[in-house]
């Protein structure tokens, strides 16, 4: 049951990432980390590796910023308007 709950926390983080919900993403990662710390032997290499992976994922997400496509979108809309006028 503990592993299933941990898996659900990771799936919730994944879903939040796909939806762009940063707060839910971070909370789910925090919850998964808390479950690792509380219910697993943190001296084991596999648990330490999982904790590091969670930290790496969180850090990578904070650094990533979506690209600004507003200028290209505006140009595309202008082009479509010009084509519709012809």
C-alpha atoms as a PDB file:
ATOM      1  CA  UNK A   1       0.000   0.000   0.000  1.00  0.00           C
ATOM      2  CA  UNK A   2       2.872   2.384   0.741  1.00  0.00           C
ATOM      3  CA  UNK A   3       4.426   1.822  -2.671  1.00  0.00           C
ATOM      4  CA  UNK A   4       1.052   2.301  -4.336  1.00  0.00           C
ATOM      5  CA  UNK A   5       0.587   5.633  -2.570  1.00  0.00           C
ATOM      6  CA  UNK A   6       4.078   6.711  -3.587  1.00  0.00           C
ATOM      7  CA  UNK A   7       3.299   5.747  -7.173  1.00  0.00           C
ATOM      8  CA  UNK A   8       0.071   7.779  -7.038  1.00  0.00           C
ATOM      9  CA  UNK A   9       1.986  10.820  -5.804  1.00  0.00           C
ATOM     10  CA  UNK A  10       4.385  10.510  -8.732  1.00  0.00           C
ATOM     11  CA  UNK A  11       1.512  10.108 -11.181  1.00  0.00           C
ATOM     12  CA  UNK A  12      -0.155  13.194  -9.725  1.00  0.00           C
ATOM     13  CA  UNK A  13       3.100  15.098 -10.223  1.00  0.00           C
ATOM     14  CA  UNK A  14       3.283  13.925 -13.816  1.00  0.00           C
ATOM     15  CA  UNK A  15      -0.299  14.960 -14.524  1.00  0.00           C
ATOM     16  CA  UNK A  16       0.239  18.353 -12.904  1.00  0.00           C
ATOM     17  CA  UNK A  17       3.359  18.857 -15.033  1.00  0.00           C
ATOM     18  CA  UNK A  18       1.409  18.080 -18.193  1.00  0.00           C
ATOM     19  CA  UNK A  19      -1.323  20.513 -17.156  1.00  0.00           C
ATOM     20  CA  UNK A  20       1.141  23.241 -16.232  1.00  0.00           C
ATOM     21  CA  UNK A  21       0.071  23.257 -12.583  1.00  0.00           C
ATOM     22  CA  UNK A  22       3.362  24.080 -10.901  1.00  0.00           C
ATOM     23  CA  UNK A  23       2.066  24.241  -7.328  1.00  0.00           C
ATOM     24  CA  UNK A  24       0.392  20.825  -7.564  1.00  0.00           C
ATOM     25  CA  UNK A  25       3.504  19.424  -9.256  1.00  0.00           C
ATOM     26  CA  UNK A  26       5.790  20.674  -6.497  1.00  0.00           C
ATOM     27  CA  UNK A  27       3.435  19.532  -3.726  1.00  0.00           C
ATOM     28  CA  UNK A  28       3.210  16.052  -5.223  1.00  0.00           C
ATOM     29  CA  UNK A  29       6.998  15.835  -5.418  1.00  0.00           C
ATOM     30  CA  UNK A  30       7.229  17.062  -1.811  1.00  0.00           C
ATOM     31  CA  UNK A  31       4.699  14.437  -0.728  1.00  0.00           C
ATOM     32  CA  UNK A  32       6.576  11.696  -2.573  1.00  0.00           C
ATOM     33  CA  UNK A  33       9.811  12.795  -0.906  1.00  0.00           C
ATOM     34  CA  UNK A  34       8.136  12.799   2.501  1.00  0.00           C
ATOM     35  CA  UNK A  35       6.866   9.256   1.906  1.00  0.00           C
ATOM     36  CA  UNK A  36      10.378   8.152   0.965  1.00  0.00           C
ATOM     37  CA  UNK A  37      11.804   9.735   4.125  1.00  0.00           C
ATOM     38  CA  UNK A  38       9.127   8.362   6.411  1.00  0.00           C
ATOM     39  CA  UNK A  39       8.488   4.835   5.152  1.00  0.00           C
ATOM     40  CA  UNK A  40      11.735   3.777   3.473  1.00  0.00           C
ATOM     41  CA  UNK A  41      15.280   3.229   4.703  1.00  0.00           C
ATOM     42  CA  UNK A  42      17.059   6.376   3.559  1.00  0.00           C
ATOM     43  CA  UNK A  43      20.451   4.771   4.079  1.00  0.00           C
ATOM     44  CA  UNK A  44      19.787   2.436   1.144  1.00  0.00           C
ATOM     45  CA  UNK A  45      21.350   3.539  -2.119  1.00  0.00           C
ATOM     46  CA  UNK A  46      18.128   3.029  -4.086  1.00  0.00           C
ATOM     47  CA  UNK A  47      16.158   5.316  -1.763  1.00  0.00           C
ATOM     48  CA  UNK A  48      18.886   7.964  -1.809  1.00  0.00           C
ATOM     49  CA  UNK A  49      18.922   7.748  -5.592  1.00  0.00           C
ATOM     50  CA  UNK A  50      15.146   8.188  -5.741  1.00  0.00           C
ATOM     51  CA  UNK A  51      15.399  11.241  -3.472  1.00  0.00           C
ATOM     52  CA  UNK A  52      18.112  12.734  -5.692  1.00  0.00           C
ATOM     53  CA  UNK A  53      16.018  12.066  -8.779  1.00  0.00           C
ATOM     54  CA  UNK A  54      13.068  13.912  -7.227  1.00  0.00           C
ATOM     55  CA  UNK A  55      15.346  16.851  -6.409  1.00  0.00           C
ATOM     56  CA  UNK A  56      16.756  16.863  -9.954  1.00  0.00           C
ATOM     57  CA  UNK A  57      13.284  16.774 -11.495  1.00  0.00           C
ATOM     58  CA  UNK A  58      12.103  19.638  -9.335  1.00  0.00           C
ATOM     59  CA  UNK A  59      15.182  21.730 -10.134  1.00  0.00           C
ATOM     60  CA  UNK A  60      14.859  21.093 -13.865  1.00  0.00           C
ATOM     61  CA  UNK A  61      11.217  22.111 -13.872  1.00  0.00           C
ATOM     62  CA  UNK A  62      11.942  25.373 -12.077  1.00  0.00           C
ATOM     63  CA  UNK A  63      14.580  26.301 -14.627  1.00  0.00           C
ATOM     64  CA  UNK A  64      12.448  25.533 -17.653  1.00  0.00           C
ATOM     65  CA  UNK A  65      10.382  28.399 -18.959  1.00  0.00           C
ATOM     66  CA  UNK A  66       7.970  28.021 -21.842  1.00  0.00           C
ATOM     67  CA  UNK A  67       9.065  29.830 -24.984  1.00  0.00           C
ATOM     68  CA  UNK A  68       7.317  33.030 -25.992  1.00  0.00           C
ATOM     69  CA  UNK A  69       5.502  32.309 -29.231  1.00  0.00           C
ATOM     70  CA  UNK A  70       3.300  35.369 -29.215  1.00  0.00           C
ATOM     71  CA  UNK A  71       5.214  37.120 -32.027  1.00  0.00           C
ATOM     72  CA  UNK A  72       5.052  34.149 -34.375  1.00  0.00           C
ATOM     73  CA  UNK A  73       1.411  33.579 -33.504  1.00  0.00           C
ATOM     74  CA  UNK A  74       0.628  37.212 -34.270  1.00  0.00           C
ATOM     75  CA  UNK A  75       2.393  36.923 -37.645  1.00  0.00           C
ATOM     76  CA  UNK A  76       0.503  33.750 -38.446  1.00  0.00           C
ATOM     77  CA  UNK A  77      -2.805  35.435 -37.703  1.00  0.00           C
ATOM     78  CA  UNK A  78      -1.864  38.398 -39.885  1.00  0.00           C
ATOM     79  CA  UNK A  79      -0.964  36.040 -42.704  1.00  0.00           C
ATOM     80  CA  UNK A  80      -4.289  34.226 -42.408  1.00  0.00           C
ATOM     81  CA  UNK A  81      -6.148  37.541 -42.505  1.00  0.00           C
ATOM     82  CA  UNK A  82      -4.271  38.561 -45.649  1.00  0.00           C
ATOM     83  CA  UNK A  83      -5.047  35.202 -47.280  1.00  0.00           C
ATOM     84  CA  UNK A  84      -8.725  35.506 -46.377  1.00  0.00           C
ATOM     85  CA  UNK A  85      -8.912  38.936 -48.008  1.00  0.00           C
ATOM     86  CA  UNK A  86      -7.737  37.558 -51.369  1.00  0.00           C
END
